[in-house]
Amino acid sequence: MDSRDYDLIVIGSGPAGESAAINAAKHGLNVAIVERADAVGGGCVHFGTIPSKALRQGVRQLIRYNTNPIFRGIGRPATLTYRHLIATVAEVTGKQVKMRSKFYQRNRIDVIHGDARFVDPHTIEIANGDGPHETLRAEKFVIATGARPWRPGDVDFSHPRIYDSDTILAMEHTPRRIIIYGAGVIGCEYASIFSGLGCKVDLVNNRDRLLEYLDDEITDALSYHLRDYGVMMRHHENYASITPDDHGVHVVLRSGKKLHADALLWCNGRTGNTDQLQLENAGLTADHRGYLKVDEHYRTEVPHIYAAGDVIGVPSLASAAYDQGRSASDSARGEDHCRFVRDVPTGIYTIPEISSVGRTERELTEANIPYEVGRAFFKETARAQISGEDVGMLKLLFHTETLQILGVHCFGAEATEIIHIGQAIMQQTGPGNTIRYFVNNTFNYPTMAEAYRIAALNGLNRLR
């Protein structure tokens, strides 16, 4: 059995793996990337970020068509089936795979398909179906195998009416009623998608409120709009039993409530994709949820093996994974500087969407930091009135004495784009990072960026 030698081998071709491999290749290293699936892109492209956002975009367009008076004057409301939406997902996924495959070709990175497992700290074996195994050796490794939905043993995921956030893309029918178990980011996003399709949604939340780490005012707004779309939220609930049959799924909650739906979507927890890597042969150990521990340089407990992306746990965001992979690659190349990714903006693609960076009101209050609030409601901006996307607001939190921006929170259309203006100013050092930036500089009009000026003036007026 022949063996190939590399300077760096990256395991996993999601955002973290891709950025790690390309960064190393551009600095002259001989690089290979191993991907267990037949196509590159990882879970981000095939199961997670890209498909769910493509689904959301289709539903958002449907909602806009059905609520816009212009279109209502020329025809009856439109409907879409889940299968129609999945067809658009496949189109987007195909474009992503083609684009990312070219990245590897352009940078002369060997792409090797198959399941990787460690033989020793510097050697991995690649298994691909029934064919012969291939052995690869490297001086350094980056593990970027991502994560998958956690599956409890008492839930029958082999049943055709029970799905998780990976397998939901294979559903071929549009359920009239669906139970979504787990109200984290993924659960809330799919609650928006299915309610937008006209499905009745029961959203079961283990906690007391939605997305507790966000600003309370933002989560209150999300709760209101999910209810407005017909989502039934059941907080502080846990299941006692989940029983599927030919006609649907029956869920009994510990509180005694009994729910029934055509299908169940499990969105409660994730686990790192490390169980097939035979980490013990490399001297590595994952935690009880399959995640790897890393230091400030993305090094694991074995100095020449690094890890990045969802396989190391929070924040488990594609945006963070790109930067983590690049930083891990820098460290593997022996660079002294390494940016450990912190202060990542939150982007949640519900309908309407949410984005946040910096501290919340609760955090500032608990820290005894004097702050004030500036708000701009989208319904008061010309651009939102023109586009018909007038639901939402921008919220700025700033220090009452220094006027330093401490947090930016946005709820509404294009929130994940709008947030970056505030993020950029927050990152400035010196006098540039104050709320006055937004009143001392002129923005295009009409734009959604106008909300920053409105919010800044609103906040400054509170100081008088």
Protein backbone atom coordinates (compact mmCIF):
# COMPACT_ATOMS: atom_id res chain seq x y z
CA MET A 1 0.00 0.00 0.00
CA ASP A 2 1.59 3.25 -1.18
CA SER A 3 1.81 6.32 1.02
CA ARG A 4 1.76 9.99 0.03
CA ASP A 5 3.48 12.68 2.08
CA TYR A 6 2.23 16.22 2.64
CA ASP A 7 3.17 19.25 4.68
CA LEU A 8 -0.43 19.62 5.85
CA ILE A 9 -3.50 17.43 5.65
CA VAL A 10 -6.91 18.94 6.35
CA ILE A 11 -9.74 16.58 7.27
CA GLY A 12 -13.09 18.06 6.23
CA SER A 13 -13.95 20.49 3.43
CA GLY A 14 -16.47 22.75 5.16
CA PRO A 15 -15.71 26.44 5.80
CA ALA A 16 -12.94 25.76 8.34
CA GLY A 17 -11.25 23.08 6.26
CA GLU A 18 -11.48 25.04 3.05
CA SER A 19 -9.94 28.20 4.49
CA ALA A 20 -7.21 26.23 6.28
CA ALA A 21 -6.21 24.34 3.13
CA ILE A 22 -6.23 27.37 0.83
CA ASN A 23 -4.31 29.53 3.29
CA ALA A 24 -1.59 26.89 3.63
CA ALA A 25 -1.40 26.30 -0.13
CA LYS A 26 -1.05 30.02 -0.85
CA HIS A 27 1.96 30.07 1.47
CA GLY A 28 3.73 27.30 -0.42
CA LEU A 29 2.78 24.20 1.57
CA ASN A 30 1.99 20.88 -0.09
CA VAL A 31 -1.61 20.35 1.01
CA ALA A 32 -4.27 17.65 0.79
CA ILE A 33 -7.86 17.88 1.93
CA VAL A 34 -9.88 14.79 2.79
CA GLU A 35 -13.66 14.82 2.38
CA ARG A 36 -15.80 11.80 3.25
CA ALA A 37 -18.66 12.82 0.91
CA ASP A 38 -18.58 12.62 -2.87
CA ALA A 39 -18.63 16.42 -3.21
CA VAL A 40 -16.77 19.17 -1.34
CA GLY A 41 -18.43 21.75 0.86
CA GLY A 42 -19.12 19.87 4.05
CA GLY A 43 -22.29 20.14 6.08
CA CYS A 44 -22.41 23.89 5.47
CA VAL A 45 -23.10 23.43 1.75
CA HIS A 46 -25.04 20.17 1.78
CA PHE A 47 -27.09 20.12 5.00
CA GLY A 48 -26.78 23.33 7.00
CA THR A 49 -26.15 26.96 6.24
CA ILE A 50 -26.63 27.08 2.48
CA PRO A 51 -29.71 24.79 2.12
CA SER A 52 -31.61 26.31 5.05
CA LYS A 53 -30.98 29.85 3.82
CA ALA A 54 -32.01 28.89 0.29
CA LEU A 55 -35.23 27.41 1.70
CA ARG A 56 -35.81 30.57 3.71
CA GLN A 57 -35.29 32.79 0.67
CA GLY A 58 -37.95 30.90 -1.27
CA VAL A 59 -40.44 31.20 1.59
CA ARG A 60 -39.63 34.88 2.07
CA GLN A 61 -40.33 35.57 -1.60
CA LEU A 62 -43.60 33.66 -1.33
CA ILE A 63 -44.67 35.73 1.68
CA ARG A 64 -43.78 38.99 -0.05
CA TYR A 65 -45.73 37.99 -3.15
CA ASN A 66 -48.78 37.03 -1.14
CA THR A 67 -48.77 40.19 0.98
CA ASN A 68 -47.79 42.81 -1.58
CA PRO A 69 -50.83 44.76 -2.85
CA ILE A 70 -49.26 45.12 -6.30
CA PHE A 71 -49.24 41.36 -6.87
CA ARG A 72 -52.59 40.81 -5.19
CA GLY A 73 -54.11 43.02 -7.85
CA ILE A 74 -52.99 40.75 -10.70
CA GLY A 75 -53.66 37.28 -9.36
CA ARG A 76 -54.61 34.99 -6.55
CA PRO A 77 -52.20 34.15 -3.69
CA ALA A 78 -49.54 31.63 -4.64
CA THR A 79 -48.60 28.40 -2.91
CA LEU A 80 -45.38 26.42 -2.88
CA THR A 81 -44.73 22.86 -1.85
CA TYR A 82 -41.70 21.78 0.10
CA ARG A 83 -40.51 19.83 -2.96
CA HIS A 84 -40.57 23.03 -5.05
CA LEU A 85 -38.27 24.67 -2.52
CA ILE A 86 -35.90 21.71 -2.35
CA ALA A 87 -35.41 21.95 -6.13
CA THR A 88 -34.02 25.49 -5.70
CA VAL A 89 -31.78 24.24 -2.88
CA ALA A 90 -30.23 21.63 -5.19
CA GLU A 91 -29.50 24.33 -7.77
CA VAL A 92 -27.70 26.53 -5.25
CA THR A 93 -25.80 23.59 -3.77
CA GLY A 94 -24.59 22.59 -7.23
CA LYS A 95 -23.23 26.09 -7.84
CA GLN A 96 -21.45 26.04 -4.49
CA VAL A 97 -19.80 22.69 -5.15
CA LYS A 98 -18.62 23.76 -8.61
CA MET A 99 -17.19 27.03 -7.29
CA ARG A 100 -15.40 25.42 -4.34
CA SER A 101 -13.98 22.61 -6.47
CA LYS A 102 -12.32 25.26 -8.60
CA PHE A 103 -10.73 26.79 -5.51
CA TYR A 104 -8.86 23.54 -4.86
CA GLN A 105 -7.88 23.10 -8.50
CA ARG A 106 -6.58 26.65 -8.73
CA ASN A 107 -4.46 26.24 -5.60
CA ARG A 108 -3.24 22.75 -6.55
CA ILE A 109 -4.68 21.12 -3.47
CA ASP A 110 -5.22 17.37 -3.67
CA VAL A 111 -8.83 16.51 -2.87
CA ILE A 112 -9.17 12.95 -1.58
CA HIS A 113 -12.59 11.44 -1.00
CA GLY A 114 -13.15 8.84 1.69
CA ASP A 115 -13.33 8.27 5.43
CA ALA A 116 -10.19 9.30 7.28
CA ARG A 117 -8.93 7.57 10.40
CA PHE A 118 -5.67 7.98 12.25
CA VAL A 119 -3.13 5.16 12.17
CA ASP A 120 -0.59 7.07 14.24
CA PRO A 121 -0.02 10.78 15.05
CA HIS A 122 1.41 11.48 11.58
CA THR A 123 -0.50 8.97 9.44
CA ILE A 124 -4.10 8.60 8.33
CA GLU A 125 -5.78 5.86 6.35
CA ILE A 126 -8.49 6.64 3.79
CA ALA A 127 -11.29 4.14 3.26
CA ASN A 128 -13.48 4.63 0.21
CA GLY A 129 -16.15 2.00 -0.24
CA ASP A 130 -14.91 -1.48 -0.97
CA GLY A 131 -11.76 -0.32 -2.74
CA PRO A 132 -8.19 -0.47 -1.41
CA HIS A 133 -7.29 1.79 1.49
CA GLU A 134 -4.88 4.65 0.93
CA THR A 135 -2.32 5.91 3.43
CA LEU A 136 -1.35 9.57 3.79
CA ARG A 137 1.34 11.11 5.98
CA ALA A 138 1.83 14.71 7.03
CA GLU A 139 3.88 16.90 9.33
CA LYS A 140 0.76 18.78 10.47
CA PHE A 141 -2.99 18.17 10.50
CA VAL A 142 -6.07 20.35 10.79
CA ILE A 143 -9.21 18.52 11.88
CA ALA A 144 -12.27 20.33 10.51
CA THR A 145 -14.84 17.56 10.40
CA GLY A 146 -17.72 19.71 11.67
CA ALA A 147 -20.71 18.51 13.67
CA ARG A 148 -24.03 16.80 13.14
CA PRO A 149 -27.37 16.69 14.95
CA TRP A 150 -27.25 14.88 18.27
CA ARG A 151 -29.63 11.91 18.31
CA PRO A 152 -30.90 10.51 21.61
CA GLY A 153 -31.22 6.74 21.68
CA ASP A 154 -34.93 6.69 22.48
CA VAL A 155 -36.00 8.52 19.33
CA ASP A 156 -36.44 6.42 16.18
CA PHE A 157 -34.70 8.47 13.49
CA SER A 158 -35.07 5.60 11.00
CA HIS A 159 -38.81 6.25 10.84
CA PRO A 160 -39.90 8.19 7.71
CA ARG A 161 -41.83 10.76 9.75
CA ILE A 162 -38.96 11.73 12.08
CA TYR A 163 -36.26 14.05 10.76
CA ASP A 164 -33.28 16.01 12.01
CA SER A 165 -31.79 19.16 10.50
CA ASP A 166 -29.68 17.05 8.10
CA THR A 167 -32.34 14.64 6.88
CA ILE A 168 -35.16 17.20 6.61
CA LEU A 169 -33.85 18.07 3.15
CA ALA A 170 -34.93 14.60 1.99
CA MET A 171 -38.57 15.10 3.00
CA GLU A 172 -40.76 14.78 -0.09
CA HIS A 173 -44.10 16.04 1.19
CA THR A 174 -45.36 19.26 2.74
CA PRO A 175 -46.69 18.49 6.22
CA ARG A 176 -49.90 20.18 7.29
CA ARG A 177 -48.61 20.16 10.85
CA ILE A 178 -45.06 19.71 12.13
CA ILE A 179 -43.52 19.52 15.60
CA ILE A 180 -40.10 21.13 15.90
CA TYR A 181 -38.33 19.91 19.02
CA GLY A 182 -35.66 22.40 20.07
CA ALA A 183 -35.92 26.17 19.79
CA GLY A 184 -32.31 27.14 19.22
CA VAL A 185 -31.14 28.90 16.08
CA ILE A 186 -31.92 25.96 13.77
CA GLY A 187 -35.31 25.30 15.34
CA CYS A 188 -36.38 28.94 15.12
CA GLU A 189 -35.23 29.20 11.50
CA TYR A 190 -37.19 26.11 10.46
CA ALA A 191 -40.21 27.30 12.42
CA SER A 192 -40.16 30.40 10.21
CA ILE A 193 -39.75 28.34 7.06
CA PHE A 194 -42.58 25.90 7.70
CA SER A 195 -45.00 28.48 9.09
CA GLY A 196 -44.27 30.60 5.99
CA LEU A 197 -45.33 27.62 3.88
CA GLY A 198 -48.63 27.55 5.71
CA CYS A 199 -47.86 24.64 8.01
CA LYS A 200 -49.08 24.55 11.59
CA VAL A 201 -45.96 24.50 13.78
CA ASP A 202 -45.52 23.42 17.39
CA LEU A 203 -42.14 24.72 18.58
CA VAL A 204 -41.06 22.91 21.75
CA ASN A 205 -38.47 24.83 23.78
CA ASN A 206 -36.55 23.33 26.70
CA ARG A 207 -35.89 26.79 28.11
CA ASP A 208 -38.03 29.63 29.44
CA ARG A 209 -37.68 31.88 26.40
CA LEU A 210 -36.29 31.83 22.87
CA LEU A 211 -32.56 32.34 22.30
CA GLU A 212 -31.82 33.56 25.82
CA TYR A 213 -28.35 34.85 24.93
CA LEU A 214 -29.83 37.57 22.72
CA ASP A 215 -31.13 40.94 23.84
CA ASP A 216 -34.51 40.49 25.53
CA GLU A 217 -36.24 43.07 23.34
CA ILE A 218 -35.08 41.25 20.20
CA THR A 219 -36.29 37.85 21.37
CA ASP A 220 -39.61 39.38 22.42
CA ALA A 221 -39.99 40.68 18.87
CA LEU A 222 -39.13 37.27 17.41
CA SER A 223 -41.66 35.57 19.67
CA TYR A 224 -44.36 38.02 18.63
CA HIS A 225 -43.78 37.50 14.91
CA LEU A 226 -43.54 33.71 15.15
CA ARG A 227 -46.90 33.73 16.93
CA ASP A 228 -48.22 36.08 14.27
CA TYR A 229 -47.29 33.45 11.66
CA GLY A 230 -49.19 30.83 13.65
CA VAL A 231 -46.34 29.12 15.50
CA MET A 232 -47.41 27.62 18.82
CA MET A 233 -44.48 28.00 21.21
CA ARG A 234 -44.29 25.67 24.20
CA HIS A 235 -41.60 26.85 26.60
CA HIS A 236 -39.91 24.97 29.43
CA GLU A 237 -41.00 21.60 28.06
CA ASN A 238 -39.24 18.25 27.64
CA TYR A 239 -40.47 15.12 25.95
CA ALA A 240 -41.48 11.99 27.83
CA SER A 241 -41.99 9.91 24.70
CA ILE A 242 -41.93 10.28 20.93
CA THR A 243 -43.94 7.64 19.06
CA PRO A 244 -44.25 7.60 15.26
CA ASP A 245 -46.76 5.58 13.27
CA ASP A 246 -48.07 5.42 9.69
CA HIS A 247 -50.22 8.50 10.22
CA GLY A 248 -47.89 10.83 12.07
CA VAL A 249 -45.90 11.39 15.24
CA HIS A 250 -47.23 11.49 18.79
CA VAL A 251 -45.24 13.43 21.38
CA VAL A 252 -46.04 13.27 25.07
CA LEU A 253 -44.39 16.02 27.10
CA ARG A 254 -43.37 15.59 30.72
CA SER A 255 -45.93 18.23 31.64
CA GLY A 256 -48.63 15.86 30.41
CA LYS A 257 -49.37 17.67 27.15
CA LYS A 258 -49.93 15.48 24.11
CA LEU A 259 -48.99 16.70 20.64
CA HIS A 260 -49.64 15.15 17.25
CA ALA A 261 -48.33 16.12 13.83
CA ASP A 262 -47.57 14.75 10.39
CA ALA A 263 -43.84 14.93 11.08
CA LEU A 264 -41.28 15.80 13.74
CA LEU A 265 -38.09 17.79 13.16
CA TRP A 266 -35.44 17.26 15.85
CA CYS A 267 -33.31 20.38 16.41
CA ASN A 268 -32.02 19.79 19.92
CA GLY A 269 -28.24 19.64 20.23
CA ARG A 270 -25.19 18.90 18.11
CA THR A 271 -22.26 16.51 18.38
CA GLY A 272 -18.78 16.70 16.87
CA ASN A 273 -17.90 14.43 13.95
CA THR A 274 -14.96 12.69 15.61
CA ASP A 275 -16.25 9.21 16.40
CA GLN A 276 -14.90 7.65 13.18
CA LEU A 277 -11.44 9.25 13.26
CA GLN A 278 -9.86 6.75 15.71
CA LEU A 279 -8.43 9.68 17.62
CA GLU A 280 -6.83 7.41 20.20
CA ASN A 281 -4.25 6.35 17.60
CA ALA A 282 -3.12 9.98 17.40
CA GLY A 283 -3.16 10.54 21.17
CA LEU A 284 -6.32 12.64 21.07
CA THR A 285 -9.50 12.49 23.12
CA ALA A 286 -12.82 14.16 22.33
CA ASP A 287 -15.24 15.22 25.06
CA HIS A 288 -18.59 13.52 25.76
CA ARG A 289 -20.23 15.43 22.88
CA GLY A 290 -17.48 14.62 20.39
CA TYR A 291 -15.83 18.05 20.47
CA LEU A 292 -12.08 18.69 20.52
CA LYS A 293 -10.45 21.09 22.95
CA VAL A 294 -8.01 23.63 21.49
CA ASP A 295 -5.78 26.39 22.87
CA GLU A 296 -5.50 30.01 21.72
CA HIS A 297 -3.60 28.83 18.62
CA TYR A 298 -6.17 26.13 17.72
CA ARG A 299 -3.74 23.43 18.83
CA THR A 300 -5.15 20.24 20.27
CA GLU A 301 -3.44 18.30 23.05
CA VAL A 302 -1.14 16.90 20.34
CA PRO A 303 1.05 19.88 19.27
CA HIS A 304 1.14 19.17 15.52
CA ILE A 305 -2.62 18.54 15.24
CA TYR A 306 -4.97 21.53 15.06
CA ALA A 307 -8.76 21.77 14.96
CA ALA A 308 -11.22 24.43 13.81
CA GLY A 309 -14.87 24.96 12.99
CA ASP A 310 -17.88 23.26 14.52
CA VAL A 311 -15.77 20.31 15.71
CA ILE A 312 -14.44 22.55 18.52
CA GLY A 313 -17.91 23.68 19.62
CA VAL A 314 -19.13 27.24 20.14
CA PRO A 315 -19.79 29.51 18.37
CA SER A 316 -20.53 26.88 15.69
CA LEU A 317 -21.05 29.43 12.93
CA ALA A 318 -19.88 29.19 9.32
CA SER A 319 -18.63 32.78 9.54
CA ALA A 320 -16.44 31.94 12.52
CA ALA A 321 -15.28 28.67 10.98
CA TYR A 322 -13.76 30.43 7.96
CA ASP A 323 -11.63 32.60 10.25
CA GLN A 324 -10.81 29.75 12.63
CA GLY A 325 -9.56 27.59 9.78
CA ARG A 326 -7.34 30.36 8.48
CA SER A 327 -5.94 30.99 11.96
CA ALA A 328 -5.34 27.29 12.57
CA SER A 329 -3.46 27.14 9.27
CA ASP A 330 -1.35 30.14 10.28
CA SER A 331 -0.46 28.40 13.53
CA ALA A 332 0.37 25.17 11.71
CA ARG A 333 2.74 27.11 9.46
CA GLY A 334 4.60 28.33 12.53
CA GLU A 335 3.33 31.90 12.50
CA ASP A 336 3.57 33.58 15.89
CA HIS A 337 0.46 35.67 15.42
CA CYS A 338 -2.88 33.91 15.60
CA ARG A 339 -6.26 35.55 15.73
CA PHE A 340 -8.43 33.57 18.12
CA VAL A 341 -11.92 34.28 16.84
CA ARG A 342 -14.05 36.19 19.35
CA ASP A 343 -16.83 38.77 19.22
CA VAL A 344 -18.48 37.12 16.24
CA PRO A 345 -21.73 38.74 15.11
CA THR A 346 -24.77 36.55 15.50
CA GLY A 347 -26.81 36.00 12.36
CA ILE A 348 -30.13 34.18 12.67
CA TYR A 349 -32.13 33.71 9.48
CA THR A 350 -35.63 33.64 10.85
CA ILE A 351 -38.36 35.63 9.14
CA PRO A 352 -37.67 38.46 9.92
CA GLU A 353 -33.98 37.87 10.53
CA ILE A 354 -31.87 38.80 13.56
CA SER A 355 -28.31 39.96 13.98
CA SER A 356 -26.39 41.12 17.01
CA VAL A 357 -22.88 42.09 18.06
CA GLY A 358 -21.58 43.27 21.42
CA ARG A 359 -23.30 43.28 24.78
CA THR A 360 -26.98 43.08 25.62
CA GLU A 361 -28.92 45.31 28.00
CA ARG A 362 -29.01 42.55 30.60
CA GLU A 363 -25.23 42.08 30.47
CA LEU A 364 -24.57 45.80 30.80
CA THR A 365 -26.98 46.13 33.71
CA GLU A 366 -25.45 43.17 35.55
CA ALA A 367 -21.98 44.66 35.00
CA ASN A 368 -23.12 48.06 36.39
CA ILE A 369 -22.08 49.84 33.20
CA PRO A 370 -23.99 53.09 32.61
CA TYR A 371 -25.54 52.94 29.16
CA GLU A 372 -28.30 54.44 27.11
CA VAL A 373 -30.39 53.10 24.24
CA GLY A 374 -31.04 54.50 20.77
CA ARG A 375 -33.74 52.91 18.61
CA ALA A 376 -34.83 53.23 15.01
CA PHE A 377 -37.99 51.46 13.88
CA PHE A 378 -37.85 50.36 10.25
CA LYS A 379 -41.41 51.55 9.66
CA GLU A 380 -40.04 55.09 10.07
CA THR A 381 -37.38 54.75 7.34
CA ALA A 382 -38.04 55.64 3.72
CA ARG A 383 -36.24 52.60 2.29
CA ALA A 384 -38.30 50.16 4.37
CA GLN A 385 -41.51 51.92 3.37
CA ILE A 386 -40.54 51.70 -0.30
CA SER A 387 -39.56 48.03 -0.14
CA GLY A 388 -42.47 47.00 2.05
CA GLU A 389 -40.05 45.51 4.57
CA ASP A 390 -41.08 47.78 7.42
CA VAL A 391 -41.08 45.24 10.27
CA GLY A 392 -38.16 45.52 12.66
CA MET A 393 -35.79 47.88 14.37
CA LEU A 394 -32.16 48.78 14.97
CA LYS A 395 -31.02 49.19 18.56
CA LEU A 396 -27.78 50.83 19.68
CA LEU A 397 -26.41 50.54 23.22
CA PHE A 398 -23.77 53.12 24.16
CA HIS A 399 -21.91 54.37 27.24
CA THR A 400 -23.55 57.45 28.70
CA GLU A 401 -20.22 59.20 29.39
CA THR A 402 -17.83 58.16 26.62
CA LEU A 403 -20.58 57.51 24.01
CA GLN A 404 -18.70 54.35 23.06
CA ILE A 405 -20.86 51.83 21.22
CA LEU A 406 -21.31 48.76 23.43
CA GLY A 407 -23.82 46.71 21.47
CA VAL A 408 -25.75 46.68 18.22
CA HIS A 409 -28.92 44.63 17.87
CA CYS A 410 -31.07 44.40 14.77
CA PHE A 411 -34.35 42.67 13.96
CA GLY A 412 -35.90 42.82 10.52
CA ALA A 413 -35.18 42.50 6.82
CA GLU A 414 -31.45 42.41 5.94
CA ALA A 415 -30.46 42.57 9.63
CA THR A 416 -27.47 40.32 8.97
CA GLU A 417 -26.18 42.82 6.40
CA ILE A 418 -27.05 45.98 8.36
CA ILE A 419 -25.20 44.80 11.47
CA HIS A 420 -21.77 45.08 9.84
CA ILE A 421 -21.92 48.88 9.75
CA GLY A 422 -22.20 48.99 13.52
CA GLN A 423 -19.65 46.21 13.90
CA ALA A 424 -17.08 48.15 11.88
CA ILE A 425 -17.48 51.27 14.04
CA MET A 426 -17.35 49.23 17.26
CA GLN A 427 -13.99 47.83 16.22
CA GLN A 428 -12.45 51.28 15.83
CA THR A 429 -10.05 52.47 18.53
CA GLY A 430 -9.98 55.96 19.96
CA PRO A 431 -12.62 58.64 19.39
CA GLY A 432 -13.95 56.96 16.22
CA ASN A 433 -15.95 54.43 18.20
CA THR A 434 -18.78 56.61 19.44
CA ILE A 435 -22.41 56.97 18.58
CA ARG A 436 -21.64 60.42 17.14
CA TYR A 437 -20.11 58.76 14.09
CA PHE A 438 -23.60 58.15 12.78
CA VAL A 439 -24.67 61.79 13.02
CA ASN A 440 -21.35 63.26 11.86
CA ASN A 441 -21.22 61.27 8.62
CA THR A 442 -23.61 61.28 5.67
CA PHE A 443 -25.11 58.05 4.33
CA ASN A 444 -26.90 57.38 1.06
CA TYR A 445 -30.63 58.07 1.11
CA PRO A 446 -32.91 56.23 1.07
CA THR A 447 -31.11 53.23 2.56
CA MET A 448 -31.50 50.95 5.52
CA ALA A 449 -28.28 52.50 6.85
CA GLU A 450 -30.38 55.55 7.65
CA ALA A 451 -31.56 53.58 10.68
CA TYR A 452 -28.15 54.19 12.30
CA ARG A 453 -28.61 57.95 12.08
CA ILE A 454 -32.13 57.74 13.46
CA ALA A 455 -31.08 55.46 16.31
CA ALA A 456 -28.06 57.62 17.16
CA LEU A 457 -30.14 60.79 17.34
CA ASN A 458 -32.77 58.97 19.38
CA GLY A 459 -30.14 57.85 21.86
CA LEU A 460 -28.37 61.23 22.11
CA ASN A 461 -31.70 62.92 22.74
CA ARG A 462 -32.14 60.76 25.82
CA LEU A 463 -29.02 62.30 27.35
CA ARG A 464 -30.43 65.82 27.34
